[in-house]
């Protein structure tokens, strides 16, 4: 399944992607179930509903869904709710491309920070996020999960190239999923 980075496409998810998204998420998070004592939140999410109420991107290689990104925008924050890469496609830069795209979306929508949360027992995730500039700012118990909230300061939104596809809530279109958005080549 080796594919050069140039063959990876990032696009907005559609309803037809839901079965492949579910498979990707189940594979990506399966190894955490025993550690945290229950399926992680992303394994329980309804991706059909998320496609309608969030901004969901998929990273595809050919017809395979290799990874996904779920973003939520609020008045105060752009929240990276989920980034997952199928283990069969890991260590090929797909996660990095998805994280970088999330940051471009946030700055393009006028945010100067991006936030995320992860389970406190997912220590490797916390380590990775801290290495790429995220800093812990809160801990919460939500839906039975001990979550660590992290934030990353981004390049000033005024300096952004506007390449993100999110609209800030209350500014312009209410729906962050623009009709007619073309697939983007991710490099």
C-alpha atoms as a PDB file:
ATOM      1  CA  UNK A   1       0.000   0.000   0.000  1.00  0.00           C
ATOM      2  CA  UNK A   2       2.947   2.345  -0.306  1.00  0.00           C
ATOM      3  CA  UNK A   3       2.049   5.549  -2.085  1.00  0.00           C
ATOM      4  CA  UNK A   4       4.101   8.644  -2.765  1.00  0.00           C
ATOM      5  CA  UNK A   5       2.887  11.760  -0.936  1.00  0.00           C
ATOM      6  CA  UNK A   6       1.922  13.331  -4.283  1.00  0.00           C
ATOM      7  CA  UNK A   7      -0.884  10.785  -4.676  1.00  0.00           C
ATOM      8  CA  UNK A   8      -2.610  11.762  -1.443  1.00  0.00           C
ATOM      9  CA  UNK A   9      -5.719  13.891  -1.983  1.00  0.00           C
ATOM     10  CA  UNK A  10      -7.446  15.908   0.704  1.00  0.00           C
ATOM     11  CA  UNK A  11     -11.121  16.667   0.158  1.00  0.00           C
ATOM     12  CA  UNK A  12     -14.314  17.374   2.040  1.00  0.00           C
ATOM     13  CA  UNK A  13     -16.051  14.188   3.134  1.00  0.00           C
ATOM     14  CA  UNK A  14     -19.383  13.156   1.635  1.00  0.00           C
ATOM     15  CA  UNK A  15     -22.002  10.736   2.921  1.00  0.00           C
ATOM     16  CA  UNK A  16     -20.690   7.974   0.661  1.00  0.00           C
ATOM     17  CA  UNK A  17     -17.413   8.101   2.651  1.00  0.00           C
ATOM     18  CA  UNK A  18     -19.038   7.189   5.987  1.00  0.00           C
ATOM     19  CA  UNK A  19     -18.380   3.395   5.886  1.00  0.00           C
ATOM     20  CA  UNK A  20     -14.708   3.966   5.004  1.00  0.00           C
ATOM     21  CA  UNK A  21     -14.398   6.714   7.628  1.00  0.00           C
ATOM     22  CA  UNK A  22     -15.837   4.373  10.263  1.00  0.00           C
ATOM     23  CA  UNK A  23     -13.344   1.662   9.264  1.00  0.00           C
ATOM     24  CA  UNK A  24     -10.445   4.116   9.405  1.00  0.00           C
ATOM     25  CA  UNK A  25     -11.444   5.390  12.853  1.00  0.00           C
ATOM     26  CA  UNK A  26     -11.991   1.904  14.259  1.00  0.00           C
ATOM     27  CA  UNK A  27      -8.560   0.798  13.025  1.00  0.00           C
ATOM     28  CA  UNK A  28      -6.811   3.985  14.234  1.00  0.00           C
ATOM     29  CA  UNK A  29      -8.224   3.886  17.773  1.00  0.00           C
ATOM     30  CA  UNK A  30      -8.638   0.143  18.403  1.00  0.00           C
ATOM     31  CA  UNK A  31      -5.368  -0.180  20.330  1.00  0.00           C
ATOM     32  CA  UNK A  32      -6.511   2.448  22.879  1.00  0.00           C
ATOM     33  CA  UNK A  33      -9.616   0.534  24.035  1.00  0.00           C
ATOM     34  CA  UNK A  34      -7.793  -1.692  26.545  1.00  0.00           C
ATOM     35  CA  UNK A  35      -5.701   1.216  27.827  1.00  0.00           C
ATOM     36  CA  UNK A  36      -8.582   3.561  28.608  1.00  0.00           C
ATOM     37  CA  UNK A  37     -11.100   0.834  29.447  1.00  0.00           C
ATOM     38  CA  UNK A  38     -13.681   1.800  26.812  1.00  0.00           C
ATOM     39  CA  UNK A  39     -13.840   2.777  23.149  1.00  0.00           C
ATOM     40  CA  UNK A  40     -12.440   6.300  22.704  1.00  0.00           C
ATOM     41  CA  UNK A  41     -14.922   9.020  21.776  1.00  0.00           C
ATOM     42  CA  UNK A  42     -14.092   9.019  18.037  1.00  0.00           C
ATOM     43  CA  UNK A  43     -15.028   5.319  17.841  1.00  0.00           C
ATOM     44  CA  UNK A  44     -18.529   6.255  19.062  1.00  0.00           C
ATOM     45  CA  UNK A  45     -19.082   9.265  16.829  1.00  0.00           C
ATOM     46  CA  UNK A  46     -21.766   9.339  14.147  1.00  0.00           C
ATOM     47  CA  UNK A  47     -19.782  10.427  11.094  1.00  0.00           C
ATOM     48  CA  UNK A  48     -22.885  10.787   8.964  1.00  0.00           C
ATOM     49  CA  UNK A  49     -24.082  13.478  11.371  1.00  0.00           C
ATOM     50  CA  UNK A  50     -20.616  15.027  11.716  1.00  0.00           C
ATOM     51  CA  UNK A  51     -20.395  15.518   7.948  1.00  0.00           C
ATOM     52  CA  UNK A  52     -23.509  17.713   8.239  1.00  0.00           C
ATOM     53  CA  UNK A  53     -22.584  19.595  11.421  1.00  0.00           C
ATOM     54  CA  UNK A  54     -18.783  19.884  11.308  1.00  0.00           C
ATOM     55  CA  UNK A  55     -16.113  20.245   8.667  1.00  0.00           C
ATOM     56  CA  UNK A  56     -14.820  16.771   7.848  1.00  0.00           C
ATOM     57  CA  UNK A  57     -11.945  16.140   5.471  1.00  0.00           C
ATOM     58  CA  UNK A  58     -10.665  12.799   4.230  1.00  0.00           C
ATOM     59  CA  UNK A  59      -7.196  11.993   2.993  1.00  0.00           C
ATOM     60  CA  UNK A  60      -7.533   9.524   0.159  1.00  0.00           C
ATOM     61  CA  UNK A  61      -5.065   7.475  -1.793  1.00  0.00           C
ATOM     62  CA  UNK A  62      -6.791   6.214  -4.889  1.00  0.00           C
ATOM     63  CA  UNK A  63     -10.161   4.986  -3.634  1.00  0.00           C
ATOM     64  CA  UNK A  64      -8.900   4.241  -0.096  1.00  0.00           C
ATOM     65  CA  UNK A  65      -9.633   6.573   2.819  1.00  0.00           C
ATOM     66  CA  UNK A  66      -6.295   6.747   4.618  1.00  0.00           C
ATOM     67  CA  UNK A  67      -7.143   9.391   7.217  1.00  0.00           C
ATOM     68  CA  UNK A  68      -9.590  12.038   8.328  1.00  0.00           C
ATOM     69  CA  UNK A  69      -9.842  15.372  10.046  1.00  0.00           C
ATOM     70  CA  UNK A  70     -12.850  16.757  11.942  1.00  0.00           C
ATOM     71  CA  UNK A  71     -12.975  20.484  12.715  1.00  0.00           C
ATOM     72  CA  UNK A  72     -15.543  22.436  14.685  1.00  0.00           C
ATOM     73  CA  UNK A  73     -15.718  26.179  14.748  1.00  0.00           C
ATOM     74  CA  UNK A  74     -17.111  28.240  17.584  1.00  0.00           C
ATOM     75  CA  UNK A  75     -17.146  31.970  18.175  1.00  0.00           C
ATOM     76  CA  UNK A  76     -13.947  31.639  20.210  1.00  0.00           C
ATOM     77  CA  UNK A  77     -12.063  28.648  18.860  1.00  0.00           C
ATOM     78  CA  UNK A  78     -11.370  26.411  15.950  1.00  0.00           C
ATOM     79  CA  UNK A  79     -11.385  22.953  17.544  1.00  0.00           C
ATOM     80  CA  UNK A  80      -9.614  20.006  15.973  1.00  0.00           C
ATOM     81  CA  UNK A  81     -12.002  17.292  17.203  1.00  0.00           C
ATOM     82  CA  UNK A  82     -10.373  14.337  15.520  1.00  0.00           C
ATOM     83  CA  UNK A  83      -7.404  13.510  13.371  1.00  0.00           C
ATOM     84  CA  UNK A  84      -6.942   9.835  12.566  1.00  0.00           C
ATOM     85  CA  UNK A  85      -4.857   7.818  10.139  1.00  0.00           C
ATOM     86  CA  UNK A  86      -5.501   4.160   9.395  1.00  0.00           C
ATOM     87  CA  UNK A  87      -2.506   2.161  10.711  1.00  0.00           C
ATOM     88  CA  UNK A  88      -2.006   0.712   7.216  1.00  0.00           C
ATOM     89  CA  UNK A  89      -1.200   4.249   6.029  1.00  0.00           C
ATOM     90  CA  UNK A  90       0.720   5.598   9.023  1.00  0.00           C
ATOM     91  CA  UNK A  91       4.311   6.866   8.841  1.00  0.00           C
ATOM     92  CA  UNK A  92       3.787   8.378   5.391  1.00  0.00           C
ATOM     93  CA  UNK A  93       3.158  11.962   6.428  1.00  0.00           C
ATOM     94  CA  UNK A  94      -0.641  11.807   6.200  1.00  0.00           C
ATOM     95  CA  UNK A  95      -1.184  12.834   9.829  1.00  0.00           C
ATOM     96  CA  UNK A  96       1.198  15.753   9.400  1.00  0.00           C
ATOM     97  CA  UNK A  97      -0.630  16.869   6.238  1.00  0.00           C
ATOM     98  CA  UNK A  98      -3.981  16.708   8.040  1.00  0.00           C
ATOM     99  CA  UNK A  99      -2.679  18.692  11.027  1.00  0.00           C
ATOM    100  CA  UNK A 100      -1.145  21.326   8.750  1.00  0.00           C
ATOM    101  CA  UNK A 101      -4.407  21.577   6.821  1.00  0.00           C
ATOM    102  CA  UNK A 102      -6.323  22.094  10.081  1.00  0.00           C
ATOM    103  CA  UNK A 103      -4.024  25.006  10.910  1.00  0.00           C
ATOM    104  CA  UNK A 104      -4.504  26.539   7.442  1.00  0.00           C
ATOM    105  CA  UNK A 105      -8.278  26.223   7.829  1.00  0.00           C
ATOM    106  CA  UNK A 106      -8.133  27.928  11.220  1.00  0.00           C
ATOM    107  CA  UNK A 107      -5.993  30.841  10.046  1.00  0.00           C
ATOM    108  CA  UNK A 108      -8.012  31.147   6.845  1.00  0.00           C
ATOM    109  CA  UNK A 109     -11.149  31.522   8.955  1.00  0.00           C
ATOM    110  CA  UNK A 110      -9.556  34.251  11.074  1.00  0.00           C
ATOM    111  CA  UNK A 111      -8.543  32.278  14.157  1.00  0.00           C
ATOM    112  CA  UNK A 112      -5.145  32.919  15.730  1.00  0.00           C
ATOM    113  CA  UNK A 113      -5.185  29.662  17.700  1.00  0.00           C
ATOM    114  CA  UNK A 114      -6.354  26.107  17.203  1.00  0.00           C
ATOM    115  CA  UNK A 115      -7.415  23.823  20.040  1.00  0.00           C
ATOM    116  CA  UNK A 116      -7.720  20.092  20.410  1.00  0.00           C
ATOM    117  CA  UNK A 117      -8.357  17.557  23.102  1.00  0.00           C
ATOM    118  CA  UNK A 118      -7.091  14.062  23.674  1.00  0.00           C
ATOM    119  CA  UNK A 119      -7.560  11.438  26.336  1.00  0.00           C
ATOM    120  CA  UNK A 120      -5.081  11.880  29.175  1.00  0.00           C
ATOM    121  CA  UNK A 121      -4.041   8.212  28.783  1.00  0.00           C
ATOM    122  CA  UNK A 122      -3.095   8.739  25.130  1.00  0.00           C
ATOM    123  CA  UNK A 123       0.354   9.923  26.194  1.00  0.00           C
ATOM    124  CA  UNK A 124       1.930   9.470  22.768  1.00  0.00           C
ATOM    125  CA  UNK A 125      -0.650  11.853  21.291  1.00  0.00           C
ATOM    126  CA  UNK A 126       0.035  14.431  24.007  1.00  0.00           C
ATOM    127  CA  UNK A 127       3.770  14.111  23.364  1.00  0.00           C
ATOM    128  CA  UNK A 128       3.338  14.554  19.597  1.00  0.00           C
ATOM    129  CA  UNK A 129       1.088  17.580  19.987  1.00  0.00           C
ATOM    130  CA  UNK A 130       3.477  19.235  22.435  1.00  0.00           C
ATOM    131  CA  UNK A 131       6.372  18.647  20.002  1.00  0.00           C
ATOM    132  CA  UNK A 132       4.532  20.531  17.253  1.00  0.00           C
ATOM    133  CA  UNK A 133       3.633  23.524  19.391  1.00  0.00           C
ATOM    134  CA  UNK A 134       0.449  22.672  21.295  1.00  0.00           C
ATOM    135  CA  UNK A 135       0.379  23.554  25.000  1.00  0.00           C
ATOM    136  CA  UNK A 136      -1.975  22.192  27.618  1.00  0.00           C
ATOM    137  CA  UNK A 137      -4.480  24.724  28.926  1.00  0.00           C
ATOM    138  CA  UNK A 138      -7.206  22.655  30.590  1.00  0.00           C
ATOM    139  CA  UNK A 139      -8.273  19.218  31.804  1.00  0.00           C
ATOM    140  CA  UNK A 140     -11.890  18.117  31.888  1.00  0.00           C
ATOM    141  CA  UNK A 141     -13.997  15.038  32.513  1.00  0.00           C
ATOM    142  CA  UNK A 142     -16.491  14.856  29.625  1.00  0.00           C
ATOM    143  CA  UNK A 143     -18.765  11.963  28.659  1.00  0.00           C
ATOM    144  CA  UNK A 144     -16.784   9.698  30.975  1.00  0.00           C
ATOM    145  CA  UNK A 145     -13.403  10.618  29.443  1.00  0.00           C
ATOM    146  CA  UNK A 146     -10.493  12.413  31.115  1.00  0.00           C
ATOM    147  CA  UNK A 147      -9.520  14.899  28.444  1.00  0.00           C
ATOM    148  CA  UNK A 148      -6.493  17.129  28.105  1.00  0.00           C
ATOM    149  CA  UNK A 149      -7.161  20.327  26.146  1.00  0.00           C
ATOM    150  CA  UNK A 150      -4.287  21.809  24.191  1.00  0.00           C
ATOM    151  CA  UNK A 151      -3.905  25.007  22.178  1.00  0.00           C
ATOM    152  CA  UNK A 152      -1.470  26.140  19.518  1.00  0.00           C
ATOM    153  CA  UNK A 153      -0.873  29.770  18.609  1.00  0.00           C
ATOM    154  CA  UNK A 154      -0.851  30.270  14.848  1.00  0.00           C
ATOM    155  CA  UNK A 155       0.518  32.893  12.506  1.00  0.00           C
ATOM    156  CA  UNK A 156      -1.554  36.056  12.803  1.00  0.00           C
ATOM    157  CA  UNK A 157      -4.841  35.539  10.981  1.00  0.00           C
ATOM    158  CA  UNK A 158      -4.344  38.879   9.193  1.00  0.00           C
ATOM    159  CA  UNK A 159      -1.238  37.395   7.558  1.00  0.00           C
ATOM    160  CA  UNK A 160      -3.113  34.301   6.414  1.00  0.00           C
ATOM    161  CA  UNK A 161      -3.378  33.492   2.748  1.00  0.00           C
ATOM    162  CA  UNK A 162      -7.027  32.589   3.282  1.00  0.00           C
ATOM    163  CA  UNK A 163      -6.537  29.041   2.013  1.00  0.00           C
ATOM    164  CA  UNK A 164      -8.777  27.462   4.676  1.00  0.00           C
ATOM    165  CA  UNK A 165     -12.348  26.433   3.946  1.00  0.00           C
ATOM    166  CA  UNK A 166     -13.930  27.444   7.258  1.00  0.00           C
ATOM    167  CA  UNK A 167     -16.002  30.546   7.758  1.00  0.00           C
ATOM    168  CA  UNK A 168     -16.070  31.942  11.239  1.00  0.00           C
ATOM    169  CA  UNK A 169     -19.436  31.470  12.916  1.00  0.00           C
ATOM    170  CA  UNK A 170     -21.399  34.683  12.615  1.00  0.00           C
ATOM    171  CA  UNK A 171     -19.308  35.992   9.720  1.00  0.00           C
ATOM    172  CA  UNK A 172     -20.568  35.355   6.201  1.00  0.00           C
ATOM    173  CA  UNK A 173     -21.962  31.912   5.489  1.00  0.00           C
ATOM    174  CA  UNK A 174     -23.108  29.955   8.536  1.00  0.00           C
ATOM    175  CA  UNK A 175     -22.230  26.599   6.965  1.00  0.00           C
ATOM    176  CA  UNK A 176     -18.474  25.918   6.812  1.00  0.00           C
ATOM    177  CA  UNK A 177     -18.976  23.363   4.021  1.00  0.00           C
ATOM    178  CA  UNK A 178     -18.867  25.403   0.866  1.00  0.00           C
ATOM    179  CA  UNK A 179     -20.758  24.056  -2.097  1.00  0.00           C
ATOM    180  CA  UNK A 180     -18.513  23.270  -5.012  1.00  0.00           C
ATOM    181  CA  UNK A 181     -15.211  23.131  -3.102  1.00  0.00           C
ATOM    182  CA  UNK A 182     -12.783  21.316  -5.350  1.00  0.00           C
ATOM    183  CA  UNK A 183     -10.418  18.607  -4.182  1.00  0.00           C
ATOM    184  CA  UNK A 184      -7.063  19.940  -3.121  1.00  0.00           C
ATOM    185  CA  UNK A 185      -3.756  18.369  -3.992  1.00  0.00           C
ATOM    186  CA  UNK A 186      -1.842  17.993  -0.749  1.00  0.00           C
ATOM    187  CA  UNK A 187       1.923  18.207  -1.024  1.00  0.00           C
END
